[in-house]
């Protein structure tokens, strides 16, 4: 894959169930207020460590609020060497509507 693909919550859920990684690029407060269960919060501070430790060939789904900012982030991650990158269409808001029981709250630790 040389570019990211846009996918639905259902496709993201299938990737996640198969071991795909979900990263959330929203601000820390929004992430703490609610995020996809098991997702990782990424910001400018945690990004270098995440990239250094990641399996670049593992499926990676990027989410934001509504699915717009995640497209830029997904393109950036492809440029950093990730080969299987997806942007979640509709973002966390659509995920929360589709899978309300698959949302958790909590801090970033």
N, C-alpha and C. Protein backbone atom coordinates (compact mmCIF):
# COMPACT_ATOMS: atom_id res chain seq x y z
N UNK A 1 0.86 -1.18 0.00
CA UNK A 1 0.00 0.00 0.00
C UNK A 1 0.90 1.24 0.00
N UNK A 2 0.68 2.12 -0.94
CA UNK A 2 1.47 3.35 -0.98
C UNK A 2 0.68 4.54 -0.47
N UNK A 3 -0.61 4.35 -0.28
CA UNK A 3 -1.47 5.40 0.26
C UNK A 3 -2.38 4.76 1.29
N UNK A 4 -2.98 5.61 2.11
CA UNK A 4 -3.95 5.10 3.08
C UNK A 4 -5.30 4.90 2.39
N UNK A 5 -6.17 4.14 3.03
CA UNK A 5 -7.53 3.94 2.54
C UNK A 5 -8.51 4.44 3.59
N UNK A 6 -9.63 4.96 3.13
CA UNK A 6 -10.71 5.37 4.03
C UNK A 6 -11.62 4.17 4.24
N UNK A 7 -11.98 3.92 5.51
CA UNK A 7 -12.82 2.75 5.81
C UNK A 7 -13.94 3.13 6.76
N UNK A 8 -14.97 2.31 6.76
CA UNK A 8 -16.13 2.49 7.62
C UNK A 8 -15.83 1.94 9.02
N UNK A 9 -16.67 2.30 10.00
CA UNK A 9 -16.50 1.70 11.33
C UNK A 9 -16.56 0.17 11.30
N UNK A 10 -17.41 -0.39 10.45
CA UNK A 10 -17.51 -1.85 10.38
C UNK A 10 -16.20 -2.46 9.88
N UNK A 11 -15.60 -1.84 8.87
CA UNK A 11 -14.32 -2.34 8.36
C UNK A 11 -13.22 -2.16 9.41
N UNK A 12 -13.26 -1.03 10.13
CA UNK A 12 -12.27 -0.80 11.19
C UNK A 12 -12.42 -1.81 12.31
N UNK A 13 -13.66 -2.14 12.64
CA UNK A 13 -13.91 -3.13 13.68
C UNK A 13 -13.35 -4.49 13.26
N UNK A 14 -13.52 -4.85 12.00
CA UNK A 14 -12.99 -6.12 11.51
C UNK A 14 -11.46 -6.14 11.59
N UNK A 15 -10.83 -5.03 11.20
CA UNK A 15 -9.37 -4.95 11.31
C UNK A 15 -8.93 -5.04 12.76
N UNK A 16 -9.63 -4.33 13.62
CA UNK A 16 -9.31 -4.33 15.05
C UNK A 16 -9.45 -5.74 15.63
N UNK A 17 -10.52 -6.41 15.28
CA UNK A 17 -10.73 -7.78 15.77
C UNK A 17 -9.65 -8.73 15.26
N UNK A 18 -9.03 -8.38 14.13
CA UNK A 18 -7.94 -9.19 13.59
C UNK A 18 -6.57 -8.76 14.08
N UNK A 19 -6.53 -7.87 15.06
CA UNK A 19 -5.26 -7.44 15.64
C UNK A 19 -4.76 -6.09 15.16
N UNK A 20 -5.53 -5.41 14.33
CA UNK A 20 -5.14 -4.08 13.88
C UNK A 20 -5.08 -3.08 15.04
N UNK A 21 -4.26 -2.08 14.89
CA UNK A 21 -4.05 -1.06 15.92
C UNK A 21 -4.88 0.17 15.57
N UNK A 22 -5.57 0.71 16.58
CA UNK A 22 -6.34 1.96 16.40
C UNK A 22 -5.59 3.06 17.13
N UNK A 23 -5.32 4.16 16.43
CA UNK A 23 -4.71 5.33 17.06
C UNK A 23 -5.67 6.51 16.95
N UNK A 24 -5.74 7.28 18.01
CA UNK A 24 -6.66 8.41 18.13
C UNK A 24 -5.83 9.69 18.21
N UNK A 25 -6.04 10.61 17.27
CA UNK A 25 -5.23 11.83 17.23
C UNK A 25 -5.95 13.04 17.79
N UNK A 26 -7.10 12.85 18.42
CA UNK A 26 -7.80 13.98 19.02
C UNK A 26 -7.01 14.51 20.21
N UNK A 27 -7.41 15.66 20.73
CA UNK A 27 -6.72 16.23 21.88
C UNK A 27 -6.91 15.34 23.10
N UNK A 28 -6.02 15.51 24.07
CA UNK A 28 -5.99 14.64 25.26
C UNK A 28 -7.30 14.67 26.04
N UNK A 29 -7.92 15.82 26.17
CA UNK A 29 -9.17 15.92 26.92
C UNK A 29 -10.28 15.12 26.24
N UNK A 30 -10.39 15.26 24.92
CA UNK A 30 -11.41 14.52 24.18
C UNK A 30 -11.18 13.01 24.27
N UNK A 31 -9.91 12.61 24.15
CA UNK A 31 -9.58 11.19 24.26
C UNK A 31 -9.98 10.66 25.64
N UNK A 32 -9.66 11.40 26.68
CA UNK A 32 -9.98 10.97 28.04
C UNK A 32 -11.49 10.91 28.26
N UNK A 33 -12.24 11.76 27.58
CA UNK A 33 -13.69 11.79 27.73
C UNK A 33 -14.37 10.59 27.07
N UNK A 34 -13.72 10.01 26.10
CA UNK A 34 -14.26 8.83 25.44
C UNK A 34 -13.46 8.50 24.20
N UNK A 35 -13.12 7.22 24.03
CA UNK A 35 -12.34 6.78 22.88
C UNK A 35 -12.66 5.32 22.59
N UNK A 36 -12.26 4.88 21.41
CA UNK A 36 -12.46 3.49 21.03
C UNK A 36 -11.68 2.61 22.00
N UNK A 37 -12.35 1.64 22.56
CA UNK A 37 -11.72 0.76 23.54
C UNK A 37 -10.44 0.15 22.96
N UNK A 38 -9.36 0.28 23.72
CA UNK A 38 -8.08 -0.29 23.31
C UNK A 38 -7.26 0.58 22.38
N UNK A 39 -7.78 1.75 22.02
CA UNK A 39 -7.02 2.62 21.12
C UNK A 39 -5.87 3.30 21.85
N UNK A 40 -4.93 3.78 21.08
CA UNK A 40 -3.76 4.49 21.60
C UNK A 40 -3.87 5.96 21.23
N UNK A 41 -3.64 6.83 22.20
CA UNK A 41 -3.65 8.26 21.92
C UNK A 41 -2.30 8.67 21.34
N UNK A 42 -2.34 9.36 20.22
CA UNK A 42 -1.11 9.86 19.59
C UNK A 42 -1.16 11.38 19.53
N UNK A 43 -0.07 11.99 19.93
CA UNK A 43 0.10 13.43 19.76
C UNK A 43 1.54 13.68 19.33
N UNK A 44 1.91 14.94 19.18
CA UNK A 44 3.26 15.25 18.70
C UNK A 44 4.34 14.73 19.64
N UNK A 45 4.03 14.58 20.93
CA UNK A 45 5.03 14.11 21.89
C UNK A 45 5.19 12.59 21.86
N UNK A 46 4.09 11.86 21.67
CA UNK A 46 4.17 10.40 21.71
C UNK A 46 4.45 9.78 20.34
N UNK A 47 4.30 10.55 19.29
CA UNK A 47 4.44 10.03 17.92
C UNK A 47 5.81 9.40 17.64
N UNK A 48 6.93 10.05 17.95
CA UNK A 48 8.23 9.43 17.63
C UNK A 48 8.43 8.07 18.30
N UNK A 49 8.05 7.95 19.58
CA UNK A 49 8.19 6.67 20.27
C UNK A 49 7.26 5.62 19.68
N UNK A 50 6.05 6.04 19.31
CA UNK A 50 5.10 5.11 18.70
C UNK A 50 5.68 4.56 17.39
N UNK A 51 6.19 5.44 16.55
CA UNK A 51 6.75 5.02 15.26
C UNK A 51 7.95 4.10 15.48
N UNK A 52 8.81 4.44 16.42
CA UNK A 52 10.01 3.63 16.68
C UNK A 52 9.66 2.22 17.14
N UNK A 53 8.57 2.07 17.89
CA UNK A 53 8.21 0.77 18.46
C UNK A 53 7.24 -0.02 17.59
N UNK A 54 6.67 0.59 16.57
CA UNK A 54 5.58 -0.03 15.81
C UNK A 54 6.09 -1.04 14.79
N UNK A 55 5.22 -1.99 14.50
CA UNK A 55 5.42 -2.90 13.37
C UNK A 55 4.84 -2.16 12.16
N UNK A 56 5.69 -1.71 11.26
CA UNK A 56 5.26 -0.87 10.15
C UNK A 56 4.36 -1.60 9.15
N UNK A 57 4.31 -2.92 9.22
CA UNK A 57 3.47 -3.69 8.31
C UNK A 57 2.14 -4.12 8.94
N UNK A 58 1.93 -3.77 10.20
CA UNK A 58 0.71 -4.13 10.91
C UNK A 58 -0.40 -3.15 10.54
N UNK A 59 -1.65 -3.60 10.35
CA UNK A 59 -2.73 -2.67 10.02
C UNK A 59 -2.88 -1.59 11.10
N UNK A 60 -3.03 -0.35 10.64
CA UNK A 60 -3.12 0.81 11.52
C UNK A 60 -4.31 1.66 11.09
N UNK A 61 -5.24 1.89 12.01
CA UNK A 61 -6.43 2.70 11.74
C UNK A 61 -6.30 4.00 12.53
N UNK A 62 -6.40 5.12 11.82
CA UNK A 62 -6.28 6.44 12.44
C UNK A 62 -7.67 7.04 12.57
N UNK A 63 -7.98 7.55 13.77
CA UNK A 63 -9.27 8.19 14.00
C UNK A 63 -9.09 9.57 14.61
N UNK A 64 -10.06 10.44 14.32
CA UNK A 64 -10.10 11.80 14.88
C UNK A 64 -11.55 12.05 15.27
N UNK A 65 -12.01 13.27 15.20
CA UNK A 65 -13.39 13.59 15.57
C UNK A 65 -14.39 13.07 14.53
N UNK A 66 -14.22 13.52 13.28
CA UNK A 66 -15.21 13.24 12.23
C UNK A 66 -14.62 12.59 10.99
N UNK A 67 -13.33 12.26 11.00
CA UNK A 67 -12.72 11.59 9.87
C UNK A 67 -12.01 12.50 8.88
N UNK A 68 -11.77 13.75 9.25
CA UNK A 68 -11.08 14.67 8.34
C UNK A 68 -9.59 14.75 8.67
N UNK A 69 -9.25 15.12 9.90
CA UNK A 69 -7.84 15.24 10.31
C UNK A 69 -7.12 13.90 10.23
N UNK A 70 -7.84 12.83 10.42
CA UNK A 70 -7.21 11.51 10.38
C UNK A 70 -6.65 11.19 9.00
N UNK A 71 -7.21 11.81 7.96
CA UNK A 71 -6.69 11.56 6.61
C UNK A 71 -5.28 12.13 6.46
N UNK A 72 -5.06 13.33 6.97
CA UNK A 72 -3.71 13.92 6.91
C UNK A 72 -2.74 13.11 7.75
N UNK A 73 -3.19 12.69 8.93
CA UNK A 73 -2.33 11.89 9.80
C UNK A 73 -2.01 10.54 9.17
N UNK A 74 -3.00 9.93 8.53
CA UNK A 74 -2.77 8.65 7.86
C UNK A 74 -1.75 8.80 6.73
N UNK A 75 -1.88 9.87 5.96
CA UNK A 75 -0.92 10.12 4.88
C UNK A 75 0.49 10.31 5.46
N UNK A 76 0.59 11.02 6.58
CA UNK A 76 1.88 11.22 7.23
C UNK A 76 2.49 9.88 7.65
N UNK A 77 1.66 9.02 8.24
CA UNK A 77 2.16 7.72 8.71
C UNK A 77 2.60 6.84 7.54
N UNK A 78 1.92 6.92 6.42
CA UNK A 78 2.37 6.20 5.22
C UNK A 78 3.75 6.70 4.83
N UNK A 79 3.94 8.02 4.87
CA UNK A 79 5.24 8.60 4.53
C UNK A 79 6.33 8.23 5.54
N UNK A 80 5.94 7.82 6.74
CA UNK A 80 6.90 7.39 7.76
C UNK A 80 7.23 5.91 7.64
N UNK A 81 6.63 5.23 6.67
CA UNK A 81 6.99 3.84 6.43
C UNK A 81 5.92 2.82 6.74
N UNK A 82 4.79 3.24 7.30
CA UNK A 82 3.71 2.29 7.57
C UNK A 82 3.12 1.85 6.23
N UNK A 83 2.85 0.56 6.08
CA UNK A 83 2.42 0.05 4.78
C UNK A 83 0.93 -0.27 4.71
N UNK A 84 0.24 -0.31 5.83
CA UNK A 84 -1.17 -0.74 5.86
C UNK A 84 -1.97 0.22 6.74
N UNK A 85 -2.27 1.42 6.21
CA UNK A 85 -2.84 2.51 7.01
C UNK A 85 -4.23 2.86 6.50
N UNK A 86 -5.13 3.13 7.47
CA UNK A 86 -6.52 3.44 7.16
C UNK A 86 -6.96 4.67 7.95
N UNK A 87 -7.87 5.43 7.37
CA UNK A 87 -8.50 6.56 8.05
C UNK A 87 -9.95 6.19 8.29
N UNK A 88 -10.42 6.35 9.52
CA UNK A 88 -11.79 5.97 9.88
C UNK A 88 -12.77 7.04 9.42
N UNK A 89 -13.56 6.72 8.42
CA UNK A 89 -14.60 7.64 7.95
C UNK A 89 -15.60 7.90 9.07
N UNK A 90 -15.96 9.15 9.26
CA UNK A 90 -16.90 9.51 10.31
C UNK A 90 -16.25 9.65 11.67
N UNK A 91 -15.00 9.23 11.78
CA UNK A 91 -14.23 9.40 13.01
C UNK A 91 -14.86 8.77 14.24
N UNK A 92 -14.41 9.26 15.38
CA UNK A 92 -14.89 8.72 16.65
C UNK A 92 -16.40 8.93 16.81
N UNK A 93 -16.91 10.04 16.30
CA UNK A 93 -18.34 10.32 16.46
C UNK A 93 -19.19 9.23 15.81
N UNK A 94 -18.84 8.82 14.60
CA UNK A 94 -19.61 7.75 13.94
C UNK A 94 -19.36 6.42 14.63
N UNK A 95 -18.13 6.18 15.08
CA UNK A 95 -17.84 4.94 15.82
C UNK A 95 -18.72 4.86 17.06
N UNK A 96 -18.81 5.97 17.81
CA UNK A 96 -19.60 5.99 19.05
C UNK A 96 -21.07 5.69 18.76
N UNK A 97 -21.59 6.17 17.63
CA UNK A 97 -22.97 5.89 17.26
C UNK A 97 -23.14 4.43 16.84
N UNK A 98 -22.14 3.89 16.16
CA UNK A 98 -22.21 2.53 15.63
C UNK A 98 -21.94 1.48 16.70
N UNK A 99 -20.95 1.73 17.56
CA UNK A 99 -20.53 0.78 18.60
C UNK A 99 -20.48 1.45 19.97
N UNK A 100 -21.62 1.88 20.51
CA UNK A 100 -21.60 2.60 21.78
C UNK A 100 -21.02 1.80 22.95
N UNK A 101 -21.13 0.48 22.89
CA UNK A 101 -20.59 -0.35 23.97
C UNK A 101 -19.08 -0.56 23.84
N UNK A 102 -18.50 -0.08 22.74
CA UNK A 102 -17.09 -0.27 22.48
C UNK A 102 -16.32 1.04 22.64
N UNK A 103 -16.80 1.85 23.59
CA UNK A 103 -16.18 3.13 23.91
C UNK A 103 -15.80 3.09 25.38
N UNK A 104 -14.60 3.57 25.68
CA UNK A 104 -14.19 3.63 27.08
C UNK A 104 -13.70 5.03 27.40
N UNK A 105 -13.71 5.34 28.69
CA UNK A 105 -13.22 6.62 29.17
C UNK A 105 -12.00 6.39 30.03
N UNK A 106 -11.23 7.45 30.20
CA UNK A 106 -10.06 7.33 31.07
C UNK A 106 -8.94 8.21 30.59
N UNK A 107 -7.94 8.31 31.44
CA UNK A 107 -6.81 9.17 31.09
C UNK A 107 -5.88 8.47 30.11
N UNK A 108 -4.78 9.09 29.85
CA UNK A 108 -3.85 8.61 28.82
C UNK A 108 -2.85 7.58 29.31
N UNK A 109 -2.87 7.28 30.59
CA UNK A 109 -1.85 6.35 31.10
C UNK A 109 -2.16 4.92 30.80
